[in-house]
PDB file of N, CA and C in Angstrom:
ATOM      1  N   MET A   1      -0.812 -29.590  24.431  1.00  0.00           N
ATOM      2  CA  MET A   1       0.614 -29.325  24.393  1.00  0.00           C
ATOM      3  C   MET A   1       1.248 -29.714  25.713  1.00  0.00           C
ATOM      4  N   MET A   2       0.654 -29.282  26.819  1.00  0.00           N
ATOM      5  CA  MET A   2       1.260 -29.565  28.114  1.00  0.00           C
ATOM      6  C   MET A   2       1.226 -31.056  28.410  1.00  0.00           C
ATOM      7  N   GLY A   3       0.287 -31.790  27.862  1.00  0.00           N
ATOM      8  CA  GLY A   3       0.263 -33.230  28.061  1.00  0.00           C
ATOM      9  C   GLY A   3       1.550 -33.866  27.562  1.00  0.00           C
ATOM     10  N   LYS A   4       2.009 -33.474  26.404  1.00  0.00           N
ATOM     11  CA  LYS A   4       3.258 -33.999  25.848  1.00  0.00           C
ATOM     12  C   LYS A   4       4.451 -33.564  26.694  1.00  0.00           C
ATOM     13  N   PHE A   5       4.409 -32.319  27.153  1.00  0.00           N
ATOM     14  CA  PHE A   5       5.500 -31.798  27.973  1.00  0.00           C
ATOM     15  C   PHE A   5       5.573 -32.573  29.289  1.00  0.00           C
ATOM     16  N   ASP A   6       4.413 -32.811  29.895  1.00  0.00           N
ATOM     17  CA  ASP A   6       4.367 -33.570  31.150  1.00  0.00           C
ATOM     18  C   ASP A   6       4.879 -34.989  30.952  1.00  0.00           C
ATOM     19  N   LYS A   7       4.521 -35.613  29.822  1.00  0.00           N
ATOM     20  CA  LYS A   7       5.011 -36.967  29.531  1.00  0.00           C
ATOM     21  C   LYS A   7       6.527 -36.986  29.398  1.00  0.00           C
ATOM     22  N   MET A   8       7.087 -35.964  28.745  1.00  0.00           N
ATOM     23  CA  MET A   8       8.528 -35.891  28.580  1.00  0.00           C
ATOM     24  C   MET A   8       9.213 -35.791  29.942  1.00  0.00           C
ATOM     25  N   LEU A   9       8.663 -34.930  30.804  1.00  0.00           N
ATOM     26  CA  LEU A   9       9.248 -34.781  32.139  1.00  0.00           C
ATOM     27  C   LEU A   9       9.124 -36.083  32.940  1.00  0.00           C
ATOM     28  N   GLU A  10       8.013 -36.759  32.774  1.00  0.00           N
ATOM     29  CA  GLU A  10       7.796 -38.018  33.481  1.00  0.00           C
ATOM     30  C   GLU A  10       8.835 -39.055  33.075  1.00  0.00           C
ATOM     31  N   LYS A  11       9.153 -39.091  31.786  1.00  0.00           N
ATOM     32  CA  LYS A  11      10.189 -40.009  31.304  1.00  0.00           C
ATOM     33  C   LYS A  11      11.543 -39.696  31.929  1.00  0.00           C
ATOM     34  N   LYS A  12      11.798 -38.412  32.155  1.00  0.00           N
ATOM     35  CA  LYS A  12      13.075 -37.998  32.741  1.00  0.00           C
ATOM     36  C   LYS A  12      13.066 -38.139  34.263  1.00  0.00           C
ATOM     37  N   GLY A  13      11.921 -38.528  34.829  1.00  0.00           N
ATOM     38  CA  GLY A  13      11.834 -38.696  36.271  1.00  0.00           C
ATOM     39  C   GLY A  13      11.605 -37.398  37.013  1.00  0.00           C
ATOM     40  N   LYS A  14      11.170 -36.360  36.329  1.00  0.00           N
ATOM     41  CA  LYS A  14      10.919 -35.072  36.973  1.00  0.00           C
ATOM     42  C   LYS A  14       9.415 -34.839  37.048  1.00  0.00           C
ATOM     43  N   LYS A  15       9.000 -34.097  38.030  1.00  0.00           N
ATOM     44  CA  LYS A  15       7.592 -33.756  38.153  1.00  0.00           C
ATOM     45  C   LYS A  15       7.480 -32.288  38.551  1.00  0.00           C
ATOM     46  N   LEU A  16       6.608 -31.571  37.892  1.00  0.00           N
ATOM     47  CA  LEU A  16       6.414 -30.150  38.181  1.00  0.00           C
ATOM     48  C   LEU A  16       5.155 -29.966  39.019  1.00  0.00           C
ATOM     49  N   SER A  17       5.189 -28.951  39.851  1.00  0.00           N
ATOM     50  CA  SER A  17       3.975 -28.586  40.582  1.00  0.00           C
ATOM     51  C   SER A  17       3.008 -27.961  39.586  1.00  0.00           C
ATOM     52  N   PRO A  18       1.719 -27.922  39.919  1.00  0.00           N
ATOM     53  CA  PRO A  18       0.754 -27.299  39.003  1.00  0.00           C
ATOM     54  C   PRO A  18       1.123 -25.849  38.672  1.00  0.00           C
ATOM     55  N   LEU A  19       1.672 -25.125  39.650  1.00  0.00           N
ATOM     56  CA  LEU A  19       2.061 -23.739  39.419  1.00  0.00           C
ATOM     57  C   LEU A  19       3.220 -23.650  38.426  1.00  0.00           C
ATOM     58  N   GLU A  20       4.234 -24.506  38.597  1.00  0.00           N
ATOM     59  CA  GLU A  20       5.362 -24.529  37.666  1.00  0.00           C
ATOM     60  C   GLU A  20       4.910 -24.938  36.269  1.00  0.00           C
ATOM     61  N   SER A  21       4.039 -25.922  36.224  1.00  0.00           N
ATOM     62  CA  SER A  21       3.537 -26.408  34.937  1.00  0.00           C
ATOM     63  C   SER A  21       2.786 -25.297  34.204  1.00  0.00           C
ATOM     64  N   LYS A  22       1.940 -24.551  34.948  1.00  0.00           N
ATOM     65  CA  LYS A  22       1.195 -23.461  34.319  1.00  0.00           C
ATOM     66  C   LYS A  22       2.140 -22.361  33.849  1.00  0.00           C
ATOM     67  N   ALA A  23       3.147 -22.039  34.653  1.00  0.00           N
ATOM     68  CA  ALA A  23       4.097 -20.987  34.277  1.00  0.00           C
ATOM     69  C   ALA A  23       4.845 -21.376  33.007  1.00  0.00           C
ATOM     70  N   LYS A  24       5.310 -22.607  32.934  1.00  0.00           N
ATOM     71  CA  LYS A  24       6.022 -23.056  31.734  1.00  0.00           C
ATOM     72  C   LYS A  24       5.083 -23.079  30.531  1.00  0.00           C
ATOM     73  N   GLY A  25       3.846 -23.487  30.761  1.00  0.00           N
ATOM     74  CA  GLY A  25       2.862 -23.488  29.677  1.00  0.00           C
ATOM     75  C   GLY A  25       2.588 -22.091  29.167  1.00  0.00           C
ATOM     76  N   ASP A  26       2.492 -21.127  30.086  1.00  0.00           N
ATOM     77  CA  ASP A  26       2.276 -19.735  29.689  1.00  0.00           C
ATOM     78  C   ASP A  26       3.446 -19.210  28.857  1.00  0.00           C
ATOM     79  N   VAL A  27       4.670 -19.562  29.272  1.00  0.00           N
ATOM     80  CA  VAL A  27       5.861 -19.134  28.524  1.00  0.00           C
ATOM     81  C   VAL A  27       5.843 -19.736  27.126  1.00  0.00           C
ATOM     82  N   LEU A  28       5.530 -21.026  27.037  1.00  0.00           N
ATOM     83  CA  LEU A  28       5.482 -21.682  25.723  1.00  0.00           C
ATOM     84  C   LEU A  28       4.401 -21.057  24.838  1.00  0.00           C
ATOM     85  N   SER A  29       3.254 -20.770  25.424  1.00  0.00           N
ATOM     86  CA  SER A  29       2.175 -20.143  24.649  1.00  0.00           C
ATOM     87  C   SER A  29       2.594 -18.773  24.150  1.00  0.00           C
ATOM     88  N   SER A  30       3.261 -18.019  25.010  1.00  0.00           N
ATOM     89  CA  SER A  30       3.731 -16.696  24.623  1.00  0.00           C
ATOM     90  C   SER A  30       4.751 -16.787  23.490  1.00  0.00           C
ATOM     91  N   LEU A  31       5.687 -17.718  23.609  1.00  0.00           N
ATOM     92  CA  LEU A  31       6.689 -17.907  22.552  1.00  0.00           C
ATOM     93  C   LEU A  31       6.032 -18.314  21.237  1.00  0.00           C
ATOM     94  N   ARG A  32       5.063 -19.212  21.310  1.00  0.00           N
ATOM     95  CA  ARG A  32       4.371 -19.660  20.107  1.00  0.00           C
ATOM     96  C   ARG A  32       3.640 -18.490  19.451  1.00  0.00           C
ATOM     97  N   SER A  33       3.010 -17.664  20.268  1.00  0.00           N
ATOM     98  CA  SER A  33       2.294 -16.497  19.755  1.00  0.00           C
ATOM     99  C   SER A  33       3.259 -15.504  19.100  1.00  0.00           C
ATOM    100  N   GLN A  34       4.391 -15.247  19.755  1.00  0.00           N
ATOM    101  CA  GLN A  34       5.379 -14.328  19.196  1.00  0.00           C
ATOM    102  C   GLN A  34       5.933 -14.862  17.878  1.00  0.00           C
ATOM    103  N   PHE A  35       6.185 -16.152  17.832  1.00  0.00           N
ATOM    104  CA  PHE A  35       6.688 -16.765  16.602  1.00  0.00           C
ATOM    105  C   PHE A  35       5.663 -16.622  15.484  1.00  0.00           C
ATOM    106  N   ALA A  36       4.409 -16.894  15.793  1.00  0.00           N
ATOM    107  CA  ALA A  36       3.347 -16.771  14.784  1.00  0.00           C
ATOM    108  C   ALA A  36       3.242 -15.339  14.275  1.00  0.00           C
ATOM    109  N   ASP A  37       3.376 -14.370  15.181  1.00  0.00           N
ATOM    110  CA  ASP A  37       3.327 -12.964  14.771  1.00  0.00           C
ATOM    111  C   ASP A  37       4.469 -12.620  13.822  1.00  0.00           C
ATOM    112  N   LYS A  38       5.665 -13.110  14.116  1.00  0.00           N
ATOM    113  CA  LYS A  38       6.826 -12.844  13.251  1.00  0.00           C
ATOM    114  C   LYS A  38       6.631 -13.477  11.873  1.00  0.00           C
ATOM    115  N   VAL A  39       6.118 -14.703  11.855  1.00  0.00           N
ATOM    116  CA  VAL A  39       5.865 -15.373  10.573  1.00  0.00           C
ATOM    117  C   VAL A  39       4.835 -14.589   9.784  1.00  0.00           C
ATOM    118  N   ASP A  40       3.773 -14.134  10.451  1.00  0.00           N
ATOM    119  CA  ASP A  40       2.745 -13.336   9.777  1.00  0.00           C
ATOM    120  C   ASP A  40       3.328 -12.055   9.209  1.00  0.00           C
ATOM    121  N   GLU A  41       4.243 -11.421   9.966  1.00  0.00           N
ATOM    122  CA  GLU A  41       4.896 -10.197   9.483  1.00  0.00           C
ATOM    123  C   GLU A  41       5.651 -10.457   8.189  1.00  0.00           C
ATOM    124  N   LYS A  42       6.441 -11.520   8.189  1.00  0.00           N
ATOM    125  CA  LYS A  42       7.275 -11.821   7.024  1.00  0.00           C
ATOM    126  C   LYS A  42       6.451 -12.305   5.847  1.00  0.00           C
ATOM    127  N   MET A  43       5.367 -12.987   6.104  1.00  0.00           N
ATOM    128  CA  MET A  43       4.553 -13.558   5.042  1.00  0.00           C
ATOM    129  C   MET A  43       3.335 -12.695   4.750  1.00  0.00           C
ATOM    130  N   GLY A  44       3.305 -11.491   5.301  1.00  0.00           N
ATOM    131  CA  GLY A  44       2.153 -10.604   5.254  1.00  0.00           C
ATOM    132  C   GLY A  44       1.347 -10.586   3.985  1.00  0.00           C
ATOM    133  N   GLY A  45       1.950 -10.261   2.856  1.00  0.00           N
ATOM    134  CA  GLY A  45       1.181 -10.098   1.639  1.00  0.00           C
ATOM    135  C   GLY A  45       1.006 -11.362   0.825  1.00  0.00           C
ATOM    136  N   MET A  46       1.502 -12.466   1.329  1.00  0.00           N
ATOM    137  CA  MET A  46       1.455 -13.695   0.535  1.00  0.00           C
ATOM    138  C   MET A  46       0.135 -14.427   0.730  1.00  0.00           C
ATOM    139  N   LYS A  47      -0.287 -15.102  -0.303  1.00  0.00           N
ATOM    140  CA  LYS A  47      -1.486 -15.931  -0.269  1.00  0.00           C
ATOM    141  C   LYS A  47      -1.055 -17.365  -0.534  1.00  0.00           C
ATOM    142  N   LYS A  48      -1.872 -18.326  -0.098  1.00  0.00           N
ATOM    143  CA  LYS A  48      -1.507 -19.721  -0.266  1.00  0.00           C
ATOM    144  C   LYS A  48      -2.733 -20.532  -0.653  1.00  0.00           C
ATOM    145  N   VAL A  49      -2.528 -21.468  -1.564  1.00  0.00           N
ATOM    146  CA  VAL A  49      -3.569 -22.401  -1.949  1.00  0.00           C
ATOM    147  C   VAL A  49      -2.976 -23.797  -1.864  1.00  0.00           C
ATOM    148  N   SER A  50      -3.651 -24.680  -1.163  1.00  0.00           N
ATOM    149  CA  SER A  50      -3.204 -26.070  -1.059  1.00  0.00           C
ATOM    150  C   SER A  50      -4.300 -26.973  -1.582  1.00  0.00           C
ATOM    151  N   VAL A  51      -3.914 -27.999  -2.302  1.00  0.00           N
ATOM    152  CA  VAL A  51      -4.871 -28.973  -2.821  1.00  0.00           C
ATOM    153  C   VAL A  51      -4.347 -30.357  -2.471  1.00  0.00           C
ATOM    154  N   ALA A  52      -5.191 -31.155  -1.863  1.00  0.00           N
ATOM    155  CA  ALA A  52      -4.817 -32.525  -1.522  1.00  0.00           C
ATOM    156  C   ALA A  52      -5.977 -33.441  -1.872  1.00  0.00           C
ATOM    157  N   ALA A  53      -5.668 -34.601  -2.423  1.00  0.00           N
ATOM    158  CA  ALA A  53      -6.696 -35.562  -2.785  1.00  0.00           C
ATOM    159  C   ALA A  53      -6.061 -36.947  -2.883  1.00  0.00           C
ATOM    160  N   PRO A  54      -6.860 -37.991  -2.704  1.00  0.00           N
ATOM    161  CA  PRO A  54      -6.310 -39.346  -2.767  1.00  0.00           C
ATOM    162  C   PRO A  54      -6.029 -39.831  -4.189  1.00  0.00           C
ATOM    163  N   ASP A  55      -6.567 -39.129  -5.198  1.00  0.00           N
ATOM    164  CA  ASP A  55      -6.343 -39.574  -6.573  1.00  0.00           C
ATOM    165  C   ASP A  55      -6.224 -38.375  -7.514  1.00  0.00           C
ATOM    166  N   VAL A  56      -5.872 -38.650  -8.758  1.00  0.00           N
ATOM    167  CA  VAL A  56      -5.642 -37.588  -9.743  1.00  0.00           C
ATOM    168  C   VAL A  56      -6.927 -36.822 -10.039  1.00  0.00           C
ATOM    169  N   GLU A  57      -8.049 -37.536 -10.102  1.00  0.00           N
ATOM    170  CA  GLU A  57      -9.316 -36.861 -10.394  1.00  0.00           C
ATOM    171  C   GLU A  57      -9.657 -35.865  -9.280  1.00  0.00           C
ATOM    172  N   GLY A  58      -9.424 -36.265  -8.053  1.00  0.00           N
ATOM    173  CA  GLY A  58      -9.681 -35.375  -6.932  1.00  0.00           C
ATOM    174  C   GLY A  58      -8.779 -34.152  -6.967  1.00  0.00           C
ATOM    175  N   LEU A  59      -7.516 -34.358  -7.351  1.00  0.00           N
ATOM    176  CA  LEU A  59      -6.600 -33.222  -7.477  1.00  0.00           C
ATOM    177  C   LEU A  59      -7.084 -32.252  -8.544  1.00  0.00           C
ATOM    178  N   ALA A  60      -7.541 -32.800  -9.666  1.00  0.00           N
ATOM    179  CA  ALA A  60      -8.033 -31.941 -10.747  1.00  0.00           C
ATOM    180  C   ALA A  60      -9.236 -31.128 -10.271  1.00  0.00           C
ATOM    181  N   GLU A  61     -10.160 -31.775  -9.566  1.00  0.00           N
ATOM    182  CA  GLU A  61     -11.323 -31.060  -9.040  1.00  0.00           C
ATOM    183  C   GLU A  61     -10.883 -29.988  -8.043  1.00  0.00           C
ATOM    184  N   GLY A  62      -9.918 -30.327  -7.191  1.00  0.00           N
ATOM    185  CA  GLY A  62      -9.418 -29.377  -6.213  1.00  0.00           C
ATOM    186  C   GLY A  62      -8.758 -28.176  -6.870  1.00  0.00           C
ATOM    187  N   LEU A  63      -7.999 -28.423  -7.916  1.00  0.00           N
ATOM    188  CA  LEU A  63      -7.350 -27.326  -8.639  1.00  0.00           C
ATOM    189  C   LEU A  63      -8.380 -26.416  -9.293  1.00  0.00           C
ATOM    190  N   GLU A  64      -9.428 -27.019  -9.868  1.00  0.00           N
ATOM    191  CA  GLU A  64     -10.493 -26.208 -10.468  1.00  0.00           C
ATOM    192  C   GLU A  64     -11.155 -25.330  -9.411  1.00  0.00           C
ATOM    193  N   LYS A  65     -11.431 -25.910  -8.246  1.00  0.00           N
ATOM    194  CA  LYS A  65     -12.050 -25.155  -7.172  1.00  0.00           C
ATOM    195  C   LYS A  65     -11.123 -24.029  -6.706  1.00  0.00           C
ATOM    196  N   ALA A  66      -9.824 -24.321  -6.605  1.00  0.00           N
ATOM    197  CA  ALA A  66      -8.850 -23.305  -6.197  1.00  0.00           C
ATOM    198  C   ALA A  66      -8.826 -22.159  -7.205  1.00  0.00           C
ATOM    199  N   GLU A  67      -8.877 -22.482  -8.486  1.00  0.00           N
ATOM    200  CA  GLU A  67      -8.894 -21.446  -9.520  1.00  0.00           C
ATOM    201  C   GLU A  67     -10.135 -20.568  -9.385  1.00  0.00           C
ATOM    202  N   GLU A  68     -11.286 -21.194  -9.107  1.00  0.00           N
ATOM    203  CA  GLU A  68     -12.514 -20.430  -8.920  1.00  0.00           C
ATOM    204  C   GLU A  68     -12.372 -19.466  -7.743  1.00  0.00           C
ATOM    205  N   LEU A  69     -11.807 -19.961  -6.647  1.00  0.00           N
ATOM    206  CA  LEU A  69     -11.640 -19.114  -5.470  1.00  0.00           C
ATOM    207  C   LEU A  69     -10.682 -17.959  -5.734  1.00  0.00           C
ATOM    208  N   VAL A  70      -9.614 -18.230  -6.474  1.00  0.00           N
ATOM    209  CA  VAL A  70      -8.652 -17.175  -6.797  1.00  0.00           C
ATOM    210  C   VAL A  70      -9.308 -16.111  -7.663  1.00  0.00           C
ATOM    211  N   GLU A  71     -10.139 -16.522  -8.599  1.00  0.00           N
ATOM    212  CA  GLU A  71     -10.834 -15.566  -9.464  1.00  0.00           C
ATOM    213  C   GLU A  71     -11.785 -14.680  -8.662  1.00  0.00           C
ATOM    214  N   GLN A  72     -12.342 -15.222  -7.572  1.00  0.00           N
ATOM    215  CA  GLN A  72     -13.288 -14.459  -6.752  1.00  0.00           C
ATOM    216  C   GLN A  72     -12.593 -13.511  -5.781  1.00  0.00           C
ATOM    217  N   MET A  73     -11.301 -13.697  -5.579  1.00  0.00           N
ATOM    218  CA  MET A  73     -10.576 -12.846  -4.639  1.00  0.00           C
ATOM    219  C   MET A  73     -10.497 -11.422  -5.172  1.00  0.00           C
ATOM    220  N   PRO A  74     -10.498 -10.449  -4.257  1.00  0.00           N
ATOM    221  CA  PRO A  74     -10.376  -9.055  -4.717  1.00  0.00           C
ATOM    222  C   PRO A  74      -9.018  -8.827  -5.374  1.00  0.00           C
ATOM    223  N   LYS A  75      -9.012  -7.985  -6.367  1.00  0.00           N
ATOM    224  CA  LYS A  75      -7.762  -7.641  -7.045  1.00  0.00           C
ATOM    225  C   LYS A  75      -6.880  -6.861  -6.091  1.00  0.00           C
ATOM    226  N   SER A  76      -5.637  -6.652  -6.450  1.00  0.00           N
ATOM    227  CA  SER A  76      -4.676  -6.044  -5.517  1.00  0.00           C
ATOM    228  C   SER A  76      -5.100  -4.656  -5.051  1.00  0.00           C
ATOM    229  N   GLU A  77      -5.707  -3.859  -5.925  1.00  0.00           N
ATOM    230  CA  GLU A  77      -6.148  -2.524  -5.512  1.00  0.00           C
ATOM    231  C   GLU A  77      -7.225  -2.636  -4.442  1.00  0.00           C
ATOM    232  N   GLU A  78      -8.163  -3.564  -4.644  1.00  0.00           N
ATOM    233  CA  GLU A  78      -9.224  -3.759  -3.664  1.00  0.00           C
ATOM    234  C   GLU A  78      -8.642  -4.285  -2.361  1.00  0.00           C
ATOM    235  N   ALA A  79      -7.680  -5.182  -2.462  1.00  0.00           N
ATOM    236  CA  ALA A  79      -7.046  -5.736  -1.265  1.00  0.00           C
ATOM    237  C   ALA A  79      -6.303  -4.648  -0.504  1.00  0.00           C
ATOM    238  N   ASP A  80      -5.609  -3.765  -1.224  1.00  0.00           N
ATOM    239  CA  ASP A  80      -4.905  -2.664  -0.568  1.00  0.00           C
ATOM    240  C   ASP A  80      -5.895  -1.746   0.145  1.00  0.00           C
ATOM    241  N   GLU A  81      -7.031  -1.505  -0.501  1.00  0.00           N
ATOM    242  CA  GLU A  81      -8.047  -0.661   0.114  1.00  0.00           C
ATOM    243  C   GLU A  81      -8.577  -1.316   1.387  1.00  0.00           C
ATOM    244  N   MET A  82      -8.782  -2.630   1.335  1.00  0.00           N
ATOM    245  CA  MET A  82      -9.269  -3.345   2.511  1.00  0.00           C
ATOM    246  C   MET A  82      -8.238  -3.282   3.635  1.00  0.00           C
ATOM    247  N   LYS A  83      -6.956  -3.407   3.317  1.00  0.00           N
ATOM    248  CA  LYS A  83      -5.914  -3.339   4.339  1.00  0.00           C
ATOM    249  C   LYS A  83      -5.911  -1.975   5.014  1.00  0.00           C
ATOM    250  N   SER A  84      -6.243  -0.929   4.257  1.00  0.00           N
ATOM    251  CA  SER A  84      -6.249   0.404   4.857  1.00  0.00           C
ATOM    252  C   SER A  84      -7.313   0.501   5.943  1.00  0.00           C
ATOM    253  N   TYR A  85      -8.347  -0.328   5.877  1.00  0.00           N
ATOM    254  CA  TYR A  85      -9.392  -0.320   6.886  1.00  0.00           C
ATOM    255  C   TYR A  85      -9.029  -1.164   8.105  1.00  0.00           C
ATOM    256  N   GLU A  86      -8.051  -2.042   7.982  1.00  0.00           N
ATOM    257  CA  GLU A  86      -7.703  -2.938   9.081  1.00  0.00           C
ATOM    258  C   GLU A  86      -7.204  -2.177  10.302  1.00  0.00           C
ATOM    259  N   ASP A  87      -6.586  -1.042  10.118  1.00  0.00           N
ATOM    260  CA  ASP A  87      -6.038  -0.282  11.236  1.00  0.00           C
ATOM    261  C   ASP A  87      -7.057   0.662  11.863  1.00  0.00           C
ATOM    262  N   CYS A  88      -8.253   0.715  11.292  1.00  0.00           N
ATOM    263  CA  CYS A  88      -9.278   1.618  11.813  1.00  0.00           C
ATOM    264  C   CYS A  88      -9.930   1.028  13.062  1.00  0.00           C
ATOM    265  N   SER A  89     -10.359   1.925  13.927  1.00  0.00           N
ATOM    266  CA  SER A  89     -11.119   1.488  15.099  1.00  0.00           C
ATOM    267  C   SER A  89     -12.544   1.162  14.652  1.00  0.00           C
ATOM    268  N   ALA A  90     -13.286   0.525  15.534  1.00  0.00           N
ATOM    269  CA  ALA A  90     -14.675   0.183  15.219  1.00  0.00           C
ATOM    270  C   ALA A  90     -15.487   1.447  14.962  1.00  0.00           C
ATOM    271  N   GLU A  91     -15.199   2.505  15.719  1.00  0.00           N
ATOM    272  CA  GLU A  91     -15.920   3.765  15.539  1.00  0.00           C
ATOM    273  C   GLU A  91     -15.620   4.383  14.176  1.00  0.00           C
ATOM    274  N   GLU A  92     -14.347   4.363  13.780  1.00  0.00           N
ATOM    275  CA  GLU A  92     -13.967   4.914  12.473  1.00  0.00           C
ATOM    276  C   GLU A  92     -14.606   4.117  11.342  1.00  0.00           C
ATOM    277  N   LEU A  93     -14.638   2.799  11.493  1.00  0.00           N
ATOM    278  CA  LEU A  93     -15.278   1.966  10.475  1.00  0.00           C
ATOM    279  C   LEU A  93     -16.766   2.286  10.373  1.00  0.00           C
ATOM    280  N   GLN A  94     -17.414   2.463  11.516  1.00  0.00           N
ATOM    281  CA  GLN A  94     -18.835   2.786  11.506  1.00  0.00           C
ATOM    282  C   GLN A  94     -19.083   4.124  10.822  1.00  0.00           C
ATOM    283  N   GLN A  95     -18.213   5.100  11.051  1.00  0.00           N
ATOM    284  CA  GLN A  95     -18.345   6.397  10.396  1.00  0.00           C
ATOM    285  C   GLN A  95     -18.228   6.252   8.881  1.00  0.00           C
ATOM    286  N   LYS A  96     -17.296   5.422   8.433  1.00  0.00           N
ATOM    287  CA  LYS A  96     -17.131   5.211   6.993  1.00  0.00           C
ATOM    288  C   LYS A  96     -18.339   4.491   6.407  1.00  0.00           C
ATOM    289  N   ILE A  97     -18.853   3.529   7.153  1.00  0.00           N
ATOM    290  CA  ILE A  97     -20.053   2.819   6.694  1.00  0.00           C
ATOM    291  C   ILE A  97     -21.222   3.792   6.578  1.00  0.00           C
ATOM    292  N   ASP A  98     -21.400   4.622   7.604  1.00  0.00           N
ATOM    293  CA  ASP A  98     -22.487   5.606   7.582  1.00  0.00           C
ATOM    294  C   ASP A  98     -22.352   6.545   6.386  1.00  0.00           C
ATOM    295  N   MET A  99     -21.116   6.990   6.122  1.00  0.00           N
ATOM    296  CA  MET A  99     -20.870   7.889   5.005  1.00  0.00           C
ATOM    297  C   MET A  99     -21.225   7.192   3.675  1.00  0.00           C
ATOM    298  N   LEU A 100     -20.832   5.938   3.539  1.00  0.00           N
ATOM    299  CA  LEU A 100     -21.132   5.195   2.315  1.00  0.00           C
ATOM    300  C   LEU A 100     -22.632   4.951   2.164  1.00  0.00           C
ATOM    301  N   MET A 101     -23.306   4.665   3.263  1.00  0.00           N
ATOM    302  CA  MET A 101     -24.754   4.461   3.189  1.00  0.00           C
ATOM    303  C   MET A 101     -25.458   5.746   2.765  1.00  0.00           C
ATOM    304  N   LYS A 102     -24.999   6.888   3.283  1.00  0.00           N
ATOM    305  CA  LYS A 102     -25.578   8.182   2.898  1.00  0.00           C
ATOM    306  C   LYS A 102     -25.340   8.439   1.415  1.00  0.00           C
ATOM    307  N   LEU A 103     -24.118   8.160   0.951  1.00  0.00           N
ATOM    308  CA  LEU A 103     -23.791   8.329  -0.461  1.00  0.00           C
ATOM    309  C   LEU A 103     -24.660   7.418  -1.330  1.00  0.00           C
ATOM    310  N   LYS A 104     -24.885   6.202  -0.871  1.00  0.00           N
ATOM    311  CA  LYS A 104     -25.725   5.261  -1.612  1.00  0.00           C
ATOM    312  C   LYS A 104     -27.149   5.799  -1.727  1.00  0.00           C
ATOM    313  N   GLU A 105     -27.689   6.294  -0.630  1.00  0.00           N
ATOM    314  CA  GLU A 105     -29.045   6.849  -0.644  1.00  0.00           C
ATOM    315  C   GLU A 105     -29.144   8.016  -1.614  1.00  0.00           C
ATOM    316  N   GLU A 106     -28.131   8.890  -1.619  1.00  0.00           N
ATOM    317  CA  GLU A 106     -28.124  10.031  -2.538  1.00  0.00           C
ATOM    318  C   GLU A 106     -28.104   9.570  -3.987  1.00  0.00           C
ATOM    319  N   LYS A 107     -27.292   8.556  -4.284  1.00  0.00           N
ATOM    320  CA  LYS A 107     -27.208   8.030  -5.660  1.00  0.00           C
ATOM    321  C   LYS A 107     -28.539   7.415  -6.080  1.00  0.00           C
ATOM    322  N   LEU A 108     -29.164   6.683  -5.167  1.00  0.00           N
ATOM    323  CA  LEU A 108     -30.458   6.076  -5.489  1.00  0.00           C
ATOM    324  C   LEU A 108     -31.520   7.142  -5.745  1.00  0.00           C
ATOM    325  N   GLN A 109     -31.489   8.235  -4.967  1.00  0.00           N
ATOM    326  CA  GLN A 109     -32.456   9.322  -5.180  1.00  0.00           C
ATOM    327  C   GLN A 109     -32.203  10.001  -6.526  1.00  0.00           C
ATOM    328  N   GLU A 110     -30.934  10.177  -6.878  1.00  0.00           N
ATOM    329  CA  GLU A 110     -30.605  10.793  -8.173  1.00  0.00           C
ATOM    330  C   GLU A 110     -31.102   9.929  -9.317  1.00  0.00           C
ATOM    331  N   GLU A 111     -30.974   8.620  -9.188  1.00  0.00           N
ATOM    332  CA  GLU A 111     -31.394   7.699 -10.255  1.00  0.00           C
ATOM    333  C   GLU A 111     -32.921   7.709 -10.402  1.00  0.00           C
ATOM    334  N   GLN A 112     -33.634   7.927  -9.312  1.00  0.00           N
ATOM    335  CA  GLN A 112     -35.107   7.935  -9.352  1.00  0.00           C
ATOM    336  C   GLN A 112     -35.641   9.224  -9.961  1.00  0.00           C
ATOM    337  N   GLU A 113     -34.861  10.276  -9.902  1.00  0.00           N
ATOM    338  CA  GLU A 113     -35.328  11.572 -10.420  1.00  0.00           C
ATOM    339  C   GLU A 113     -35.184  11.673 -11.875  1.00  0.00           C
TER     340      GLU A 113
END
């Protein structure tokens, strides 16, 4: 990114010191990150599938593959449940995993009896 920015300044006859260049680069990176976060906020629950191919047969194959992937995706209830875990800390997730593993062991013992 900064390579293009430096070229633009060079065309205008301006030159930045390495410190100025880094500061401007940091600002641009921060702005790009903030923009990406806002887009993610607005597009939060949306999913996207893109298919590109040089010919019709390739598009058909791509569409079939996309359909397979969509079928494998968790249903909305499962997705909502997964989102509820996204805000958990690593420790909280580990506690839930431990609880589920204990429950699994209990179920397996019940089935063996």
